[in-house]
Amino acid sequence: MKVVLVPASAQTSQCVIQTLLDDASASSVFGVYRNVGKVPANFKNHPNFQLVQGDVSDGSTLDFSGCGAVITV
């Protein structure tokens, strides 16, 4: 299942992302970041994580098609 976290840079979001990446049943975790420099290295290197650049204040930068779940923090 494709799970998207928006925004992904918050401390709570990072904990959720790590928990999902540690769970073998979560197939794909997408983190939406306005500032891609805030993506932790361990997320960038994880095969089930994908970085998405976007801004929650600009809906045109977000595409949730095909998502099984969207988590907002």
N, C-alpha and C. Protein backbone atom coordinates (compact mmCIF):
# COMPACT_ATOMS: atom_id res chain seq x y z
N MET A 1 0.84 -1.17 0.00
CA MET A 1 0.00 0.00 0.00
C MET A 1 0.89 1.24 0.00
N LYS A 2 0.47 2.25 -0.73
CA LYS A 2 1.17 3.53 -0.79
C LYS A 2 0.64 4.42 0.33
N VAL A 3 1.54 4.84 1.22
CA VAL A 3 1.18 5.72 2.34
C VAL A 3 1.93 7.03 2.16
N VAL A 4 1.21 8.14 2.26
CA VAL A 4 1.81 9.47 2.10
C VAL A 4 1.69 10.24 3.40
N LEU A 5 2.79 10.89 3.82
CA LEU A 5 2.77 11.76 5.00
C LEU A 5 2.97 13.19 4.57
N VAL A 6 2.08 14.07 5.06
CA VAL A 6 2.11 15.49 4.70
C VAL A 6 1.93 16.32 5.96
N PRO A 7 2.76 17.25 6.28
CA PRO A 7 4.14 17.39 5.83
C PRO A 7 5.01 16.35 6.52
N ALA A 8 6.08 15.98 5.90
CA ALA A 8 6.92 14.90 6.42
C ALA A 8 8.07 15.38 7.28
N SER A 9 8.32 16.68 7.33
CA SER A 9 9.49 17.18 8.07
C SER A 9 9.25 17.32 9.57
N ALA A 10 8.00 17.31 10.00
CA ALA A 10 7.71 17.45 11.43
C ALA A 10 8.26 16.25 12.20
N GLN A 11 8.62 16.48 13.45
CA GLN A 11 9.20 15.41 14.27
C GLN A 11 8.24 14.23 14.39
N THR A 12 6.96 14.51 14.59
CA THR A 12 5.97 13.44 14.68
C THR A 12 5.90 12.66 13.38
N SER A 13 5.92 13.36 12.26
CA SER A 13 5.90 12.70 10.95
C SER A 13 7.10 11.79 10.77
N GLN A 14 8.26 12.25 11.20
CA GLN A 14 9.46 11.44 11.06
C GLN A 14 9.36 10.16 11.87
N CYS A 15 8.75 10.23 13.04
CA CYS A 15 8.54 9.02 13.86
C CYS A 15 7.59 8.06 13.16
N VAL A 16 6.53 8.60 12.56
CA VAL A 16 5.57 7.76 11.84
C VAL A 16 6.24 7.12 10.63
N ILE A 17 7.01 7.89 9.88
CA ILE A 17 7.72 7.35 8.71
C ILE A 17 8.64 6.23 9.13
N GLN A 18 9.42 6.44 10.18
CA GLN A 18 10.35 5.40 10.64
C GLN A 18 9.59 4.14 11.04
N THR A 19 8.47 4.29 11.73
CA THR A 19 7.67 3.14 12.14
C THR A 19 7.15 2.38 10.92
N LEU A 20 6.68 3.11 9.92
CA LEU A 20 6.19 2.46 8.70
C LEU A 20 7.32 1.75 7.95
N LEU A 21 8.48 2.38 7.89
CA LEU A 21 9.61 1.75 7.20
C LEU A 21 10.10 0.51 7.92
N ASP A 22 9.94 0.49 9.24
CA ASP A 22 10.33 -0.69 10.03
C ASP A 22 9.33 -1.83 9.89
N ASP A 23 8.12 -1.52 9.42
CA ASP A 23 7.06 -2.51 9.27
C ASP A 23 7.13 -3.10 7.86
N ALA A 24 7.40 -4.38 7.77
CA ALA A 24 7.56 -5.03 6.47
C ALA A 24 6.28 -5.01 5.63
N SER A 25 5.12 -4.83 6.25
CA SER A 25 3.87 -4.85 5.49
C SER A 25 3.58 -3.52 4.78
N ALA A 26 4.29 -2.46 5.14
CA ALA A 26 4.11 -1.16 4.48
C ALA A 26 4.99 -1.14 3.23
N SER A 27 4.37 -1.21 2.07
CA SER A 27 5.15 -1.37 0.85
C SER A 27 5.84 -0.09 0.38
N SER A 28 5.16 1.05 0.44
CA SER A 28 5.75 2.30 -0.04
C SER A 28 5.37 3.45 0.88
N VAL A 29 6.36 4.21 1.29
CA VAL A 29 6.12 5.38 2.14
C VAL A 29 6.62 6.60 1.39
N PHE A 30 5.73 7.57 1.19
CA PHE A 30 6.06 8.79 0.49
C PHE A 30 6.01 9.94 1.48
N GLY A 31 7.07 10.73 1.54
CA GLY A 31 7.12 11.88 2.42
C GLY A 31 7.11 13.16 1.60
N VAL A 32 6.17 14.05 1.90
CA VAL A 32 6.07 15.32 1.19
C VAL A 32 6.83 16.38 1.98
N TYR A 33 7.85 16.94 1.33
CA TYR A 33 8.72 17.95 1.95
C TYR A 33 8.71 19.21 1.10
N ARG A 34 8.55 20.35 1.75
CA ARG A 34 8.72 21.63 1.06
C ARG A 34 10.21 21.88 0.84
N ASN A 35 11.00 21.57 1.87
CA ASN A 35 12.45 21.76 1.82
C ASN A 35 13.10 20.37 1.81
N VAL A 36 13.58 19.94 0.66
CA VAL A 36 14.13 18.58 0.54
C VAL A 36 15.42 18.41 1.33
N GLY A 37 16.01 19.49 1.78
CA GLY A 37 17.20 19.42 2.62
C GLY A 37 16.92 18.88 4.01
N LYS A 38 15.64 18.79 4.37
CA LYS A 38 15.26 18.29 5.70
C LYS A 38 15.03 16.78 5.73
N VAL A 39 15.21 16.11 4.61
CA VAL A 39 14.98 14.67 4.57
C VAL A 39 16.14 13.95 5.26
N PRO A 40 15.87 13.17 6.30
CA PRO A 40 16.95 12.43 6.97
C PRO A 40 17.62 11.43 6.02
N ALA A 41 18.92 11.28 6.16
CA ALA A 41 19.68 10.39 5.28
C ALA A 41 19.18 8.96 5.33
N ASN A 42 18.78 8.49 6.52
CA ASN A 42 18.32 7.10 6.61
C ASN A 42 17.02 6.89 5.84
N PHE A 43 16.22 7.94 5.63
CA PHE A 43 15.02 7.81 4.79
C PHE A 43 15.42 7.77 3.32
N LYS A 44 16.31 8.69 2.92
CA LYS A 44 16.74 8.76 1.52
C LYS A 44 17.29 7.43 1.02
N ASN A 45 17.97 6.72 1.90
CA ASN A 45 18.63 5.47 1.51
C ASN A 45 17.75 4.24 1.67
N HIS A 46 16.53 4.41 2.16
CA HIS A 46 15.65 3.25 2.38
C HIS A 46 14.93 2.92 1.07
N PRO A 47 14.91 1.64 0.69
CA PRO A 47 14.29 1.26 -0.59
C PRO A 47 12.77 1.47 -0.64
N ASN A 48 12.10 1.57 0.51
CA ASN A 48 10.65 1.74 0.52
C ASN A 48 10.22 3.19 0.74
N PHE A 49 11.18 4.11 0.72
CA PHE A 49 10.86 5.52 0.93
C PHE A 49 11.04 6.30 -0.35
N GLN A 50 10.10 7.20 -0.60
CA GLN A 50 10.23 8.08 -1.75
C GLN A 50 9.95 9.52 -1.32
N LEU A 51 10.85 10.40 -1.68
CA LEU A 51 10.74 11.83 -1.40
C LEU A 51 9.84 12.48 -2.45
N VAL A 52 8.93 13.32 -1.99
CA VAL A 52 8.08 14.10 -2.88
C VAL A 52 8.22 15.55 -2.47
N GLN A 53 8.59 16.41 -3.42
CA GLN A 53 8.68 17.83 -3.09
C GLN A 53 7.32 18.46 -3.33
N GLY A 54 6.81 19.14 -2.31
CA GLY A 54 5.51 19.79 -2.41
C GLY A 54 5.30 20.72 -1.24
N ASP A 55 4.22 21.46 -1.31
CA ASP A 55 3.91 22.44 -0.28
C ASP A 55 2.43 22.35 0.04
N VAL A 56 2.10 22.08 1.30
CA VAL A 56 0.70 21.92 1.68
C VAL A 56 -0.11 23.20 1.48
N SER A 57 0.55 24.34 1.42
CA SER A 57 -0.17 25.60 1.19
C SER A 57 -0.46 25.83 -0.29
N ASP A 58 0.09 24.97 -1.16
CA ASP A 58 -0.15 25.06 -2.61
C ASP A 58 -0.60 23.69 -3.10
N GLY A 59 -1.90 23.49 -3.15
CA GLY A 59 -2.46 22.20 -3.52
C GLY A 59 -2.03 21.70 -4.89
N SER A 60 -1.63 22.59 -5.78
CA SER A 60 -1.21 22.16 -7.12
C SER A 60 0.09 21.37 -7.09
N THR A 61 0.82 21.41 -5.97
CA THR A 61 2.09 20.67 -5.87
C THR A 61 1.87 19.27 -5.31
N LEU A 62 0.61 18.92 -4.96
CA LEU A 62 0.32 17.65 -4.31
C LEU A 62 -0.50 16.75 -5.22
N ASP A 63 -0.14 15.47 -5.27
CA ASP A 63 -0.89 14.49 -6.05
C ASP A 63 -0.99 13.22 -5.22
N PHE A 64 -2.19 12.92 -4.78
CA PHE A 64 -2.40 11.75 -3.92
C PHE A 64 -3.02 10.58 -4.69
N SER A 65 -3.00 10.63 -6.00
CA SER A 65 -3.60 9.53 -6.77
C SER A 65 -2.85 8.23 -6.50
N GLY A 66 -3.61 7.17 -6.34
CA GLY A 66 -3.02 5.85 -6.09
C GLY A 66 -2.64 5.60 -4.65
N CYS A 67 -2.95 6.53 -3.76
CA CYS A 67 -2.59 6.37 -2.35
C CYS A 67 -3.60 5.49 -1.63
N GLY A 68 -3.10 4.62 -0.78
CA GLY A 68 -3.96 3.83 0.09
C GLY A 68 -4.30 4.59 1.35
N ALA A 69 -3.41 5.52 1.74
CA ALA A 69 -3.63 6.32 2.95
C ALA A 69 -2.83 7.61 2.84
N VAL A 70 -3.42 8.69 3.36
CA VAL A 70 -2.74 9.97 3.47
C VAL A 70 -2.80 10.35 4.95
N ILE A 71 -1.64 10.59 5.54
CA ILE A 71 -1.56 10.96 6.95
C ILE A 71 -1.08 12.41 7.02
N THR A 72 -1.88 13.25 7.67
CA THR A 72 -1.47 14.65 7.87
C THR A 72 -1.16 14.86 9.34
N VAL A 73 -0.10 15.58 9.58
CA VAL A 73 0.33 15.82 10.96
C VAL A 73 0.38 17.31 11.19
